[in-house]
Amino acid sequence: MLAFSPLIYRDLFHASDVGTMKVNEIANLADVSPDTVRFYNREGLLRPRKDPRNGYNLYNSEDLWRLRFVRVANKLGFNLREVKVILSHGTEGGLAGSDLKELFTDRLCRLDQELKELKRLRDDMKTTVQVWRQMPDGAPNGHSVQEFSRAPTSVYAYIFGLKISERSFILGRPI
């Protein structure tokens, strides 16, 4: 059975042996804030060792790689739990292909839903701008903006007090 391991992709995030780094140093190399490093550390995604002299966390190139991997996975839309699963299985021999396929399929379904919602919002905003252009001064008033933020799909009804059938006509779709 095929196995996925984030270790396969180490070259994508290659960091030569940079020695040990404190939180600010690894944050700079990964282009994140020190708070982000601390957060991922608390979540168990990084594995620093403690400096016995002062108790500071010391990070190595493996931690830098893991931090960069987490950031890329996050940009792909994987949530923290999913990233933890990928990383934990990746260090324990790999994530089975079927499990990885399920993770990607779930993410794809969520992405499709997000895209649908964004398209609906974009369409509502376009229609709202068109409606506002029809207003006497061509600009929305405070009330219409508040109503849009409460319920974008029915903002027109709030602005004009339209009946359901009239809303459908303006939106071009049943509501």
Protein backbone atom coordinates (compact mmCIF):
# COMPACT_ATOMS: atom_id res chain seq x y z
CA MET A 1 0.00 0.00 0.00
CA LEU A 2 1.26 3.49 -0.80
CA ALA A 3 2.10 5.62 2.17
CA PHE A 4 2.34 9.37 2.41
CA SER A 5 4.95 10.90 4.59
CA PRO A 6 5.65 14.61 4.82
CA LEU A 7 9.29 13.55 5.03
CA ILE A 8 9.11 12.81 1.29
CA TYR A 9 8.62 16.52 0.74
CA ARG A 10 11.56 17.59 2.87
CA ASP A 11 13.36 18.98 -0.18
CA LEU A 12 10.53 21.44 -0.75
CA PHE A 13 11.20 22.99 2.63
CA HIS A 14 14.89 22.18 2.84
CA ALA A 15 16.81 23.85 5.58
CA SER A 16 20.41 22.94 5.84
CA ASP A 17 21.53 22.19 9.33
CA VAL A 18 21.14 25.57 10.91
CA GLY A 19 22.22 24.44 14.34
CA THR A 20 20.09 25.40 17.27
CA MET A 21 17.84 28.42 17.22
CA LYS A 22 15.86 30.35 19.77
CA VAL A 23 12.26 31.26 19.11
CA ASN A 24 13.03 34.59 17.39
CA GLU A 25 15.62 33.00 15.13
CA ILE A 26 13.39 30.18 13.89
CA ALA A 27 10.50 32.63 13.51
CA ASN A 28 12.63 34.86 11.27
CA LEU A 29 13.78 31.93 9.13
CA ALA A 30 10.22 30.65 8.72
CA ASP A 31 8.80 34.15 8.17
CA VAL A 32 6.31 33.86 11.02
CA SER A 33 5.93 35.62 14.35
CA PRO A 34 7.48 34.27 17.54
CA ASP A 35 3.92 33.88 18.84
CA THR A 36 3.16 31.55 15.93
CA VAL A 37 6.19 29.43 16.82
CA ARG A 38 5.07 29.32 20.46
CA PHE A 39 1.53 28.37 19.43
CA TYR A 40 2.67 25.49 17.22
CA ASN A 41 5.00 24.40 20.00
CA ARG A 42 2.14 24.32 22.52
CA GLU A 43 0.09 22.32 20.00
CA GLY A 44 2.85 19.72 19.82
CA LEU A 45 3.80 20.34 16.21
CA LEU A 46 7.37 21.32 17.04
CA ARG A 47 9.83 19.37 19.16
CA PRO A 48 12.32 21.75 20.68
CA ARG A 49 14.70 20.71 23.39
CA LYS A 50 15.24 22.75 26.53
CA ASP A 51 18.52 24.51 27.14
CA PRO A 52 19.52 23.16 30.57
CA ARG A 53 21.30 26.42 31.43
CA ASN A 54 18.30 28.72 31.06
CA GLY A 55 15.22 26.63 30.12
CA TYR A 56 14.86 28.28 26.70
CA ASN A 57 13.41 26.21 23.90
CA LEU A 58 16.05 25.41 21.30
CA TYR A 59 14.86 24.52 17.81
CA ASN A 60 16.73 22.67 15.07
CA SER A 61 16.43 22.24 11.30
CA GLU A 62 13.78 19.54 11.78
CA ASP A 63 11.62 22.04 13.69
CA LEU A 64 12.16 24.62 10.95
CA TRP A 65 11.08 22.08 8.34
CA ARG A 66 8.00 21.13 10.39
CA LEU A 67 7.10 24.80 10.86
CA ARG A 68 7.33 25.46 7.12
CA PHE A 69 5.33 22.30 6.37
CA VAL A 70 2.58 23.39 8.79
CA ARG A 71 2.39 26.80 7.12
CA VAL A 72 2.06 25.31 3.63
CA ALA A 73 -0.54 22.77 4.79
CA ASN A 74 -2.43 25.63 6.43
CA LYS A 75 -2.40 27.60 3.19
CA LEU A 76 -3.84 24.54 1.46
CA GLY A 77 -6.70 24.75 3.94
CA PHE A 78 -5.88 21.85 6.22
CA ASN A 79 -6.89 22.51 9.78
CA LEU A 80 -4.61 21.99 12.75
CA ARG A 81 -6.04 18.57 13.58
CA GLU A 82 -5.43 17.35 10.04
CA VAL A 83 -1.88 18.70 10.02
CA LYS A 84 -1.22 16.91 13.31
CA VAL A 85 -2.47 13.66 11.80
CA ILE A 86 -0.28 14.04 8.73
CA LEU A 87 2.81 14.92 10.76
CA SER A 88 2.30 12.25 13.40
CA HIS A 89 1.80 9.52 10.83
CA GLY A 90 4.59 10.91 8.71
CA THR A 91 7.09 10.31 11.47
CA GLU A 92 5.65 6.88 12.25
CA GLY A 93 6.02 5.31 8.81
CA GLY A 94 3.60 7.28 6.71
CA LEU A 95 -0.08 7.94 6.32
CA ALA A 96 -1.84 5.26 4.31
CA GLY A 97 -2.87 6.36 0.84
CA SER A 98 -6.55 5.77 1.59
CA ASP A 99 -6.32 7.96 4.71
CA LEU A 100 -4.57 10.71 2.79
CA LYS A 101 -7.15 10.45 0.02
CA GLU A 102 -9.89 10.85 2.62
CA LEU A 103 -8.21 13.93 4.10
CA PHE A 104 -7.84 15.52 0.66
CA THR A 105 -11.38 14.57 -0.36
CA ASP A 106 -12.80 16.12 2.82
CA ARG A 107 -10.76 19.27 2.25
CA LEU A 108 -11.93 19.44 -1.35
CA CYS A 109 -15.57 19.19 -0.24
CA ARG A 110 -15.04 21.99 2.26
CA LEU A 111 -13.30 24.08 -0.40
CA ASP A 112 -16.20 23.57 -2.83
CA GLN A 113 -18.64 24.74 -0.14
CA GLU A 114 -16.49 27.78 0.67
CA LEU A 115 -16.30 28.67 -3.03
CA LYS A 116 -20.08 28.39 -3.35
CA GLU A 117 -20.56 30.69 -0.38
CA LEU A 118 -18.00 33.18 -1.71
CA LYS A 119 -19.67 33.20 -5.12
CA ARG A 120 -23.05 33.81 -3.51
CA LEU A 121 -21.59 36.65 -1.44
CA ARG A 122 -19.89 38.13 -4.51
CA ASP A 123 -23.15 37.99 -6.46
CA ASP A 124 -25.05 39.58 -3.57
CA MET A 125 -22.46 42.33 -3.29
CA LYS A 126 -22.58 43.01 -7.03
CA THR A 127 -26.36 43.24 -6.93
CA THR A 128 -26.21 45.46 -3.86
CA VAL A 129 -23.81 47.85 -5.60
CA GLN A 130 -26.13 47.93 -8.61
CA VAL A 131 -29.09 48.71 -6.33
CA TRP A 132 -27.10 51.45 -4.60
CA ARG A 133 -26.26 52.98 -7.97
CA GLN A 134 -30.01 53.34 -8.54
CA MET A 135 -30.35 55.41 -5.36
CA PRO A 136 -30.80 59.16 -5.76
CA ASP A 137 -27.25 60.06 -4.68
CA GLY A 138 -25.71 56.79 -5.89
CA ALA A 139 -24.45 55.92 -2.44
CA PRO A 140 -25.75 53.68 0.32
CA ASN A 141 -26.96 55.09 3.58
CA GLY A 142 -25.96 53.72 6.97
CA HIS A 143 -29.16 51.72 7.31
CA SER A 144 -28.71 49.85 4.02
CA VAL A 145 -25.11 48.96 4.88
CA GLN A 146 -26.18 47.58 8.27
CA GLU A 147 -28.89 45.52 6.64
CA PHE A 148 -26.46 44.11 4.09
CA SER A 149 -24.10 42.98 6.83
CA ARG A 150 -26.94 41.22 8.66
CA ALA A 151 -28.37 39.25 5.76
CA PRO A 152 -26.66 39.65 2.40
CA THR A 153 -29.12 37.53 0.46
CA SER A 154 -32.04 39.65 1.53
CA VAL A 155 -30.44 43.08 1.76
CA TYR A 156 -32.60 44.34 -1.08
CA ALA A 157 -35.73 43.46 0.79
CA TYR A 158 -34.51 45.36 3.82
CA ILE A 159 -33.53 48.39 1.77
CA PHE A 160 -36.76 48.61 -0.15
CA GLY A 161 -39.21 46.63 1.99
CA LEU A 162 -39.97 44.36 -0.94
CA LYS A 163 -42.24 41.33 -0.84
CA ILE A 164 -40.79 37.84 -1.30
CA SER A 165 -41.80 37.69 -4.98
CA GLU A 166 -40.16 41.06 -5.62
CA ARG A 167 -36.98 39.91 -3.86
CA SER A 168 -36.80 36.88 -6.11
CA PHE A 169 -37.17 39.10 -9.15
CA ILE A 170 -34.32 41.41 -8.08
CA LEU A 171 -32.01 38.56 -7.10
CA GLY A 172 -32.87 36.55 -10.19
CA ARG A 173 -33.26 33.43 -8.10
CA PRO A 174 -35.77 32.00 -5.62
CA ILE A 175 -35.17 32.76 -1.97
